Structure formats: structure tokens, C-alpha cells
């Protein structure tokens, strides 16, 4: 698959465009950032935690990146752009 960078600037339009490319976003209810904060970047914070697959119920350790709670619309858009890029990386 070729890399495709989202090019829109509104949050709703970005979510629609991301849905057409690759969706790797998970529900917050499926993650538990129980292991503490590992770090932070410009748009979000990274926590050690657990992701539970809603289909199989299997729990795996994961690094969980979440948008900062006080982020505005611009930060949400940039966070989702970054997520779209990372979502195209497939690691075992």
C-alpha cells in the first residue's frame, strides 16, 4: 500500500478521509493506560497499558497514545494526521 497523507483541515472532514484510507483508531473503552505515562509529544501523551481486542477478548500490552485532554481542534487534526501516518505502519 502506498503512503497517503491526509490533506484536510477540519476534524470532521479528516475523520471522513481517514475512514477511506486506513482506520486504526480504537475505542477508549478497549484500552487501559494502567502502566503509567511513558512520555509526551506536541499533540499527545504515551502511556504503557493494555489493549483488549473487543472481538476475541484477548488483552495485549501496548503503548497507548492519546490526545492531550486540553487539545483544541487544530491539535486534534494534527494528532489524527500523525495517527494516519502511524496507522500505515504494520508491525508484528
C-alpha atoms as a PDB file:
ATOM      1  CA  UNK A   1       0.000   0.000   0.000  1.00  0.00           C
ATOM      2  CA  UNK A   2       1.266   3.470  -0.831  1.00  0.00           C
ATOM      3  CA  UNK A   3       1.512   6.147   1.821  1.00  0.00           C
ATOM      4  CA  UNK A   4      -1.356   8.653   1.733  1.00  0.00           C
ATOM      5  CA  UNK A   5      -1.143  11.804   3.831  1.00  0.00           C
ATOM      6  CA  UNK A   6      -4.433  13.362   4.920  1.00  0.00           C
ATOM      7  CA  UNK A   7      -4.779  16.824   3.429  1.00  0.00           C
ATOM      8  CA  UNK A   8      -7.859  18.341   5.068  1.00  0.00           C
ATOM      9  CA  UNK A   9      -8.015  20.805   7.934  1.00  0.00           C
ATOM     10  CA  UNK A  10     -11.359  20.266   9.692  1.00  0.00           C
ATOM     11  CA  UNK A  11     -11.772  17.481  12.228  1.00  0.00           C
ATOM     12  CA  UNK A  12     -14.969  16.049  10.679  1.00  0.00           C
ATOM     13  CA  UNK A  13     -13.530  16.076   7.167  1.00  0.00           C
ATOM     14  CA  UNK A  14     -10.314  14.481   8.445  1.00  0.00           C
ATOM     15  CA  UNK A  15     -12.214  11.647  10.166  1.00  0.00           C
ATOM     16  CA  UNK A  16     -14.148  11.030   6.950  1.00  0.00           C
ATOM     17  CA  UNK A  17     -10.948  10.981   4.896  1.00  0.00           C
ATOM     18  CA  UNK A  18      -9.205   8.703   7.407  1.00  0.00           C
ATOM     19  CA  UNK A  19     -12.103   6.259   7.197  1.00  0.00           C
ATOM     20  CA  UNK A  20     -11.452   5.948   3.474  1.00  0.00           C
ATOM     21  CA  UNK A  21      -7.721   5.311   3.910  1.00  0.00           C
ATOM     22  CA  UNK A  22      -6.974   3.115   6.921  1.00  0.00           C
ATOM     23  CA  UNK A  23      -8.708   3.083  10.265  1.00  0.00           C
ATOM     24  CA  UNK A  24      -6.513   2.060  13.187  1.00  0.00           C
ATOM     25  CA  UNK A  25      -8.312   4.072  15.849  1.00  0.00           C
ATOM     26  CA  UNK A  26      -9.650   2.057  18.763  1.00  0.00           C
ATOM     27  CA  UNK A  27     -12.327   2.851  21.310  1.00  0.00           C
ATOM     28  CA  UNK A  28     -11.075   4.296  24.610  1.00  0.00           C
ATOM     29  CA  UNK A  29     -13.070   1.592  26.394  1.00  0.00           C
ATOM     30  CA  UNK A  30     -10.777  -1.025  24.778  1.00  0.00           C
ATOM     31  CA  UNK A  31      -7.580   0.462  26.231  1.00  0.00           C
ATOM     32  CA  UNK A  32      -6.397   0.771  29.801  1.00  0.00           C
ATOM     33  CA  UNK A  33      -3.418   3.106  30.319  1.00  0.00           C
ATOM     34  CA  UNK A  34      -2.661   1.364  33.629  1.00  0.00           C
ATOM     35  CA  UNK A  35       1.129   1.306  33.401  1.00  0.00           C
ATOM     36  CA  UNK A  36       1.859   4.989  33.787  1.00  0.00           C
ATOM     37  CA  UNK A  37       2.980   7.696  31.416  1.00  0.00           C
ATOM     38  CA  UNK A  38       5.962   6.902  29.194  1.00  0.00           C
ATOM     39  CA  UNK A  39       6.274  10.311  27.565  1.00  0.00           C
ATOM     40  CA  UNK A  40       4.604  13.101  25.711  1.00  0.00           C
ATOM     41  CA  UNK A  41       4.840  14.903  22.425  1.00  0.00           C
ATOM     42  CA  UNK A  42       3.388  18.018  20.898  1.00  0.00           C
ATOM     43  CA  UNK A  43      -0.097  16.553  20.369  1.00  0.00           C
ATOM     44  CA  UNK A  44      -0.433  13.693  22.807  1.00  0.00           C
ATOM     45  CA  UNK A  45       0.791  11.597  25.686  1.00  0.00           C
ATOM     46  CA  UNK A  46       2.010   7.984  25.564  1.00  0.00           C
ATOM     47  CA  UNK A  47       1.102   5.509  28.263  1.00  0.00           C
ATOM     48  CA  UNK A  48       2.049   1.900  28.916  1.00  0.00           C
ATOM     49  CA  UNK A  49      -1.124  -0.116  29.077  1.00  0.00           C
ATOM     50  CA  UNK A  50      -3.329  -2.879  27.811  1.00  0.00           C
ATOM     51  CA  UNK A  51      -5.413  -3.142  24.653  1.00  0.00           C
ATOM     52  CA  UNK A  52      -8.273  -5.628  24.750  1.00  0.00           C
ATOM     53  CA  UNK A  53      -9.490  -6.856  21.358  1.00  0.00           C
ATOM     54  CA  UNK A  54     -13.281  -6.441  21.521  1.00  0.00           C
ATOM     55  CA  UNK A  55     -13.835  -9.412  19.215  1.00  0.00           C
ATOM     56  CA  UNK A  56     -11.612 -12.024  20.855  1.00  0.00           C
ATOM     57  CA  UNK A  57     -11.319 -10.549  24.350  1.00  0.00           C
ATOM     58  CA  UNK A  58      -7.542 -11.051  24.126  1.00  0.00           C
ATOM     59  CA  UNK A  59      -5.536  -8.482  26.095  1.00  0.00           C
ATOM     60  CA  UNK A  60      -2.079  -7.380  24.928  1.00  0.00           C
ATOM     61  CA  UNK A  61       0.440  -4.905  26.283  1.00  0.00           C
ATOM     62  CA  UNK A  62       0.611  -1.756  24.201  1.00  0.00           C
ATOM     63  CA  UNK A  63       1.928   1.761  24.053  1.00  0.00           C
ATOM     64  CA  UNK A  64      -1.201   3.913  24.040  1.00  0.00           C
ATOM     65  CA  UNK A  65      -1.019   7.393  22.551  1.00  0.00           C
ATOM     66  CA  UNK A  66      -3.869   9.698  23.483  1.00  0.00           C
ATOM     67  CA  UNK A  67      -4.568  13.269  22.503  1.00  0.00           C
ATOM     68  CA  UNK A  68      -3.949  15.704  25.357  1.00  0.00           C
ATOM     69  CA  UNK A  69      -7.146  16.455  27.308  1.00  0.00           C
ATOM     70  CA  UNK A  70      -6.883  20.219  26.741  1.00  0.00           C
ATOM     71  CA  UNK A  71      -6.185  19.938  22.992  1.00  0.00           C
ATOM     72  CA  UNK A  72      -8.149  22.175  20.652  1.00  0.00           C
ATOM     73  CA  UNK A  73      -9.463  21.414  17.174  1.00  0.00           C
ATOM     74  CA  UNK A  74      -6.118  22.179  15.474  1.00  0.00           C
ATOM     75  CA  UNK A  75      -4.267  19.825  17.814  1.00  0.00           C
ATOM     76  CA  UNK A  76      -6.867  17.067  17.261  1.00  0.00           C
ATOM     77  CA  UNK A  77      -6.432  17.373  13.492  1.00  0.00           C
ATOM     78  CA  UNK A  78      -2.639  17.217  13.753  1.00  0.00           C
ATOM     79  CA  UNK A  79      -2.881  14.279  16.181  1.00  0.00           C
ATOM     80  CA  UNK A  80      -5.094  12.380  13.722  1.00  0.00           C
ATOM     81  CA  UNK A  81      -2.730  13.192  10.826  1.00  0.00           C
ATOM     82  CA  UNK A  82       0.092  11.670  12.825  1.00  0.00           C
ATOM     83  CA  UNK A  83      -2.113   8.671  13.671  1.00  0.00           C
ATOM     84  CA  UNK A  84      -2.934   8.209   9.979  1.00  0.00           C
ATOM     85  CA  UNK A  85       0.751   8.029   9.163  1.00  0.00           C
ATOM     86  CA  UNK A  86       1.481   5.634  12.023  1.00  0.00           C
ATOM     87  CA  UNK A  87      -1.602   3.567  11.115  1.00  0.00           C
ATOM     88  CA  UNK A  88       0.018   2.690   7.819  1.00  0.00           C
ATOM     89  CA  UNK A  89       2.924   1.020   9.598  1.00  0.00           C
ATOM     90  CA  UNK A  90       2.304  -2.678  10.107  1.00  0.00           C
ATOM     91  CA  UNK A  91       4.455  -4.280  12.789  1.00  0.00           C
ATOM     92  CA  UNK A  92       4.156  -7.811  14.169  1.00  0.00           C
END
